[in-house]
Amino acid sequence: MEEVVSRCPDLFIEAGLHFVRRQIVLNGRRPDILFHDVLNRHLLVELQRGRLDEEHLQRHVFYFYDYRAKYPDTHPRLMFLANRVIPQHKEFLDYHGYEYKEIPEREFSRRMADCTNASVDTEVEIRESPGVLPLSYQELLYAVEIQPMTMCYKMLLLLEMIDLADPNGRVSLDAIAIKFKNFFRARLADGKAEENPNRFHRGLLGDRSLEKWKTVIREQPVTHLGSKFIVDEVEYLRWAPDIWTQWNSDLKRELREAAMRRLIAYFQKYVPGGF
């Protein structure tokens, strides 16, 4: 698969791709194939014969986190190419803006036959490079990305915890409730729907009292995120010790970016007016 996709990317992926001779290993991981596209972005491609599985998915997403952090100017793209991709993985990839190509075995064989006369130098020079993000960061970012979202509360809570945490990793529940109330009031003021209209009538969230918000926040996003993320101290919320002991500007930046991407994608998909 690597040989023919490297040789004929126009048949399997898209036109205008240039195979990159040198591949970079980060933390012992590398993409199956690395291309430059027509906009000079780096395209990281992971191939799997048969069905794309969770191990390949997670491994390549972890590589992408590290690659993007280490080489931000490359504007990397992430793509999976497999014979079969199950609906849950398609939904995950679509939601996060990762790309995939599903080419069944028979169709892949047909394209492979069309590729036989093409030639390309696929010699790969491997260059080991230390990673940027510790594995624990990557696991945490992945845990954010795989959170199910029927409302925006979890990502909104993570963002406020990131922005408001004191030197001990704590934020008062009052402060969080005010932020939630103001967030939805601001959306109404801008003429946007507060939330998914299939779940909430217009004006409901912005009109909630602070006491109601405090109850909702503790019962819903705090409970659903669980102790991996948030410790409930009744009047205060605190980052879980495993997160706070690693806290620094890099983790804060990456975690905020992951939560914001999820929040924006949710509103763009489910809420009139988008984010």
Protein backbone atom coordinates (compact mmCIF):
# COMPACT_ATOMS: atom_id res chain seq x y z
CA MET A 1 0.00 0.00 0.00
CA GLU A 2 2.78 2.43 0.89
CA GLU A 3 4.57 1.78 -2.39
CA VAL A 4 1.62 2.40 -4.71
CA VAL A 5 0.19 5.35 -2.77
CA SER A 6 3.64 6.98 -2.75
CA ARG A 7 3.99 6.25 -6.46
CA CYS A 8 0.52 7.43 -7.54
CA PRO A 9 -0.99 9.75 -4.94
CA ASP A 10 -3.24 11.29 -7.58
CA LEU A 11 -5.02 7.93 -7.95
CA PHE A 12 -5.48 7.36 -4.23
CA ILE A 13 -5.58 10.78 -2.58
CA GLU A 14 -5.50 13.93 -4.72
CA ALA A 15 -3.61 15.65 -7.52
CA GLY A 16 -0.58 17.83 -6.90
CA LEU A 17 1.01 15.88 -4.05
CA HIS A 18 4.79 15.63 -3.85
CA PHE A 19 6.33 12.70 -2.02
CA VAL A 20 8.74 13.84 0.70
CA ARG A 21 11.92 11.82 0.78
CA ARG A 22 12.88 12.55 4.37
CA GLN A 23 10.51 11.41 7.10
CA ILE A 24 10.66 12.59 10.68
CA VAL A 25 10.30 10.26 13.65
CA LEU A 26 8.87 11.88 16.78
CA ASN A 27 8.84 9.90 20.02
CA GLY A 28 9.34 6.70 18.03
CA ARG A 29 6.36 7.34 15.73
CA ARG A 30 6.19 8.38 12.09
CA PRO A 31 3.50 8.60 9.42
CA ASP A 32 3.41 5.90 6.76
CA ILE A 33 3.82 8.56 4.07
CA LEU A 34 4.60 12.28 4.15
CA PHE A 35 3.64 14.54 1.22
CA HIS A 36 3.67 18.24 0.36
CA ASP A 37 0.41 19.43 -1.16
CA VAL A 38 -0.15 22.20 -3.72
CA LEU A 39 -0.33 24.80 -0.90
CA ASN A 40 2.99 23.53 0.52
CA ARG A 41 1.28 22.03 3.56
CA HIS A 42 2.56 18.77 4.97
CA LEU A 43 0.13 15.88 4.55
CA LEU A 44 0.65 13.05 7.05
CA VAL A 45 -0.93 9.84 5.76
CA GLU A 46 -1.58 6.70 7.79
CA LEU A 47 -2.48 3.58 5.82
CA GLN A 48 -4.25 0.48 7.05
CA ARG A 49 -5.20 -2.62 5.17
CA GLY A 50 -8.72 -3.70 6.00
CA ARG A 51 -10.62 -1.74 8.66
CA LEU A 52 -9.16 1.33 10.34
CA ASP A 53 -8.82 0.43 14.01
CA GLU A 54 -8.57 2.43 17.22
CA GLU A 55 -4.84 1.78 17.66
CA HIS A 56 -3.95 3.27 14.26
CA LEU A 57 -6.34 6.14 14.83
CA GLN A 58 -4.95 7.08 18.23
CA ARG A 59 -1.30 6.56 17.27
CA HIS A 60 -1.50 8.82 14.25
CA VAL A 61 -3.50 11.51 16.05
CA PHE A 62 -0.80 11.53 18.76
CA TYR A 63 1.85 11.96 16.06
CA PHE A 64 -0.15 14.82 14.58
CA TYR A 65 -0.30 16.65 17.94
CA ASP A 66 3.47 16.45 18.28
CA TYR A 67 4.17 17.32 14.64
CA ARG A 68 1.90 20.36 14.72
CA ALA A 69 3.45 21.59 17.96
CA LYS A 70 7.01 21.11 16.70
CA TYR A 71 6.51 22.37 13.14
CA PRO A 72 3.60 24.87 13.31
CA ASP A 73 4.69 26.65 10.12
CA THR A 74 4.07 23.51 8.03
CA HIS A 75 0.28 23.79 8.53
CA PRO A 76 0.00 19.98 8.63
CA ARG A 77 -2.96 17.94 7.44
CA LEU A 78 -3.83 14.53 8.85
CA MET A 79 -5.29 11.78 6.67
CA PHE A 80 -6.20 8.11 7.15
CA LEU A 81 -6.50 5.76 4.19
CA ALA A 82 -8.06 2.34 4.75
CA ASN A 83 -10.20 -0.20 2.94
CA ARG A 84 -12.99 0.30 5.48
CA VAL A 85 -13.80 3.02 7.99
CA ILE A 86 -16.61 2.40 10.46
CA PRO A 87 -19.28 5.11 10.96
CA GLN A 88 -18.08 6.02 14.47
CA HIS A 89 -14.58 6.73 13.19
CA LYS A 90 -15.95 8.68 10.22
CA GLU A 91 -17.95 10.84 12.61
CA PHE A 92 -14.89 11.40 14.83
CA LEU A 93 -12.68 12.35 11.89
CA ASP A 94 -15.29 14.60 10.27
CA TYR A 95 -15.98 16.36 13.56
CA HIS A 96 -12.32 17.15 14.18
CA GLY A 97 -11.40 18.12 10.65
CA TYR A 98 -9.17 15.11 10.06
CA GLU A 99 -9.35 13.62 6.59
CA TYR A 100 -9.93 10.05 5.47
CA LYS A 101 -10.19 8.02 2.30
CA GLU A 102 -12.14 4.78 2.27
CA ILE A 103 -11.12 2.64 -0.70
CA PRO A 104 -12.52 -0.92 -0.68
CA GLU A 105 -10.10 -3.76 -1.46
CA ARG A 106 -11.38 -4.37 -5.01
CA GLU A 107 -11.26 -0.66 -5.91
CA PHE A 108 -7.81 -0.33 -4.34
CA SER A 109 -6.58 -3.26 -6.47
CA ARG A 110 -7.99 -1.64 -9.62
CA ARG A 111 -6.21 1.64 -8.90
CA MET A 112 -3.04 -0.25 -8.05
CA ALA A 113 -3.14 -1.85 -11.50
CA ASP A 114 -3.49 1.61 -13.07
CA CYS A 115 -0.40 2.72 -11.17
CA THR A 116 2.00 0.09 -12.50
CA ASN A 117 3.64 2.28 -15.14
CA ALA A 118 4.31 5.24 -12.86
CA SER A 119 7.66 5.70 -11.17
CA VAL A 120 8.85 7.60 -8.14
CA ASP A 121 11.86 7.40 -5.88
CA THR A 122 10.39 6.16 -2.63
CA GLU A 123 13.64 5.76 -0.74
CA VAL A 124 13.01 7.15 2.72
CA GLU A 125 15.68 8.70 4.88
CA ILE A 126 14.59 8.45 8.50
CA ARG A 127 15.58 11.27 10.81
CA GLU A 128 15.01 10.83 14.52
CA SER A 129 13.78 13.98 16.22
CA PRO A 130 12.80 14.45 19.86
CA GLY A 131 9.13 15.13 20.43
CA VAL A 132 7.69 18.28 21.90
CA LEU A 133 4.63 17.08 23.77
CA PRO A 134 4.91 14.42 26.48
CA LEU A 135 2.77 11.33 26.02
CA SER A 136 0.64 12.39 29.00
CA TYR A 137 -0.26 15.63 27.15
CA GLN A 138 -1.22 13.70 24.04
CA GLU A 139 -3.39 11.31 26.02
CA LEU A 140 -5.14 14.26 27.68
CA LEU A 141 -5.77 16.03 24.36
CA TYR A 142 -7.14 12.81 22.91
CA ALA A 143 -9.41 12.45 25.94
CA VAL A 144 -10.80 15.92 25.12
CA GLU A 145 -11.31 15.03 21.46
CA ILE A 146 -13.23 11.82 22.13
CA GLN A 147 -15.66 13.41 24.61
CA PRO A 148 -19.25 12.93 23.38
CA MET A 149 -21.05 16.26 23.05
CA THR A 150 -24.80 16.68 23.09
CA MET A 151 -24.39 20.25 24.40
CA CYS A 152 -21.51 22.70 24.60
CA TYR A 153 -21.18 22.67 28.39
CA LYS A 154 -18.14 20.41 28.75
CA MET A 155 -15.93 22.38 26.39
CA LEU A 156 -17.16 25.69 27.78
CA LEU A 157 -16.29 24.51 31.30
CA LEU A 158 -12.81 23.40 30.24
CA LEU A 159 -12.14 26.78 28.64
CA GLU A 160 -13.20 28.66 31.76
CA MET A 161 -11.15 26.36 33.99
CA ILE A 162 -8.12 27.01 31.79
CA ASP A 163 -8.57 30.78 31.81
CA LEU A 164 -9.62 31.29 35.44
CA ALA A 165 -7.63 28.75 37.46
CA ASP A 166 -5.79 30.23 40.47
CA PRO A 167 -2.25 29.13 41.49
CA ASN A 168 -3.77 26.03 43.08
CA GLY A 169 -5.80 25.05 40.02
CA ARG A 170 -9.12 26.12 41.56
CA VAL A 171 -11.99 28.26 40.27
CA SER A 172 -15.05 29.28 42.26
CA LEU A 173 -18.31 27.81 41.04
CA ASP A 174 -19.79 31.32 41.24
CA ALA A 175 -17.25 32.59 38.72
CA ILE A 176 -17.97 29.71 36.35
CA ALA A 177 -21.74 30.26 36.63
CA ILE A 178 -21.34 33.96 35.77
CA LYS A 179 -19.25 33.06 32.72
CA PHE A 180 -21.84 30.54 31.50
CA LYS A 181 -24.71 33.00 31.94
CA ASN A 182 -22.82 35.80 30.18
CA PHE A 183 -21.78 33.50 27.33
CA PHE A 184 -25.37 32.66 26.42
CA ARG A 185 -26.62 36.22 26.97
CA ALA A 186 -23.94 37.48 24.60
CA ARG A 187 -25.06 35.03 21.93
CA LEU A 188 -28.62 36.31 22.20
CA ALA A 189 -27.41 39.91 22.02
CA ASP A 190 -25.54 39.01 18.81
CA GLY A 191 -28.71 37.52 17.31
CA LYS A 192 -27.42 33.95 17.49
CA ALA A 193 -29.13 30.87 18.86
CA GLU A 194 -27.89 30.03 22.34
CA GLU A 195 -27.69 26.28 21.81
CA ASN A 196 -29.03 23.49 19.63
CA PRO A 197 -32.68 24.56 18.99
CA ASN A 198 -33.73 20.91 19.10
CA ARG A 199 -32.80 20.90 22.77
CA PHE A 200 -33.49 24.43 24.04
CA HIS A 201 -35.97 27.21 23.35
CA ARG A 202 -34.55 30.62 22.58
CA GLY A 203 -33.79 32.71 25.69
CA LEU A 204 -33.85 29.82 28.16
CA LEU A 205 -30.14 29.65 28.95
CA GLY A 206 -29.43 33.36 29.21
CA ASP A 207 -32.33 33.77 31.64
CA ARG A 208 -31.21 31.06 34.05
CA SER A 209 -30.32 32.26 37.54
CA LEU A 210 -26.78 31.87 38.83
CA GLU A 211 -27.98 29.33 41.38
CA LYS A 212 -29.56 27.28 38.61
CA TRP A 213 -26.35 27.44 36.61
CA LYS A 214 -24.31 26.29 39.59
CA THR A 215 -26.55 23.25 39.94
CA VAL A 216 -26.50 22.48 36.22
CA ILE A 217 -22.71 22.83 35.95
CA ARG A 218 -22.09 20.44 38.84
CA GLU A 219 -24.69 17.90 37.68
CA GLN A 220 -23.78 17.92 34.00
CA PRO A 221 -20.33 18.91 32.67
CA VAL A 222 -18.48 18.29 35.95
CA THR A 223 -20.09 14.88 36.37
CA HIS A 224 -19.68 13.88 32.74
CA LEU A 225 -16.04 14.97 32.48
CA GLY A 226 -15.33 13.05 35.64
CA SER A 227 -12.42 13.03 38.07
CA LYS A 228 -9.90 12.61 35.26
CA PHE A 229 -10.46 16.31 34.57
CA ILE A 230 -12.27 18.05 37.41
CA VAL A 231 -12.49 17.63 41.19
CA ASP A 232 -15.80 18.88 42.60
CA GLU A 233 -15.27 20.79 45.87
CA VAL A 234 -18.89 22.01 46.00
CA GLU A 235 -18.23 25.75 45.96
CA TYR A 236 -15.01 25.39 43.98
CA LEU A 237 -13.91 23.29 41.02
CA ARG A 238 -10.32 22.15 40.85
CA TRP A 239 -8.21 20.61 38.12
CA ALA A 240 -7.49 16.93 38.74
CA PRO A 241 -4.08 16.44 40.39
CA ASP A 242 -2.70 14.48 37.40
CA ILE A 243 -3.37 17.51 35.20
CA TRP A 244 -2.35 20.25 37.59
CA THR A 245 1.02 18.68 38.49
CA GLN A 246 1.94 18.97 34.78
CA TRP A 247 0.50 22.45 34.28
CA ASN A 248 2.61 24.86 32.24
CA SER A 249 2.17 27.22 29.31
CA ASP A 250 2.53 24.44 26.71
CA LEU A 251 -0.15 22.23 28.25
CA LYS A 252 -2.42 25.23 28.82
CA ARG A 253 -2.07 26.30 25.18
CA GLU A 254 -2.63 22.84 23.70
CA LEU A 255 -5.54 22.05 26.00
CA ARG A 256 -7.21 25.37 25.28
CA GLU A 257 -6.80 24.91 21.54
CA ALA A 258 -8.32 21.41 21.71
CA ALA A 259 -11.33 22.57 23.75
CA MET A 260 -11.88 25.63 21.54
CA ARG A 261 -11.76 23.54 18.36
CA ARG A 262 -14.41 21.23 19.81
CA LEU A 263 -16.57 24.15 20.89
CA ILE A 264 -16.41 25.88 17.51
CA ALA A 265 -17.04 22.64 15.60
CA TYR A 266 -20.06 21.88 17.79
CA PHE A 267 -21.68 25.27 17.18
CA GLN A 268 -20.92 25.19 13.47
CA LYS A 269 -22.63 21.80 13.17
CA TYR A 270 -25.61 22.06 15.50
CA VAL A 271 -26.44 25.70 16.27
CA PRO A 272 -27.85 28.30 13.84
CA GLY A 273 -25.46 31.22 13.51
CA GLY A 274 -22.45 29.04 14.28
CA PHE A 275 -19.93 30.12 16.87
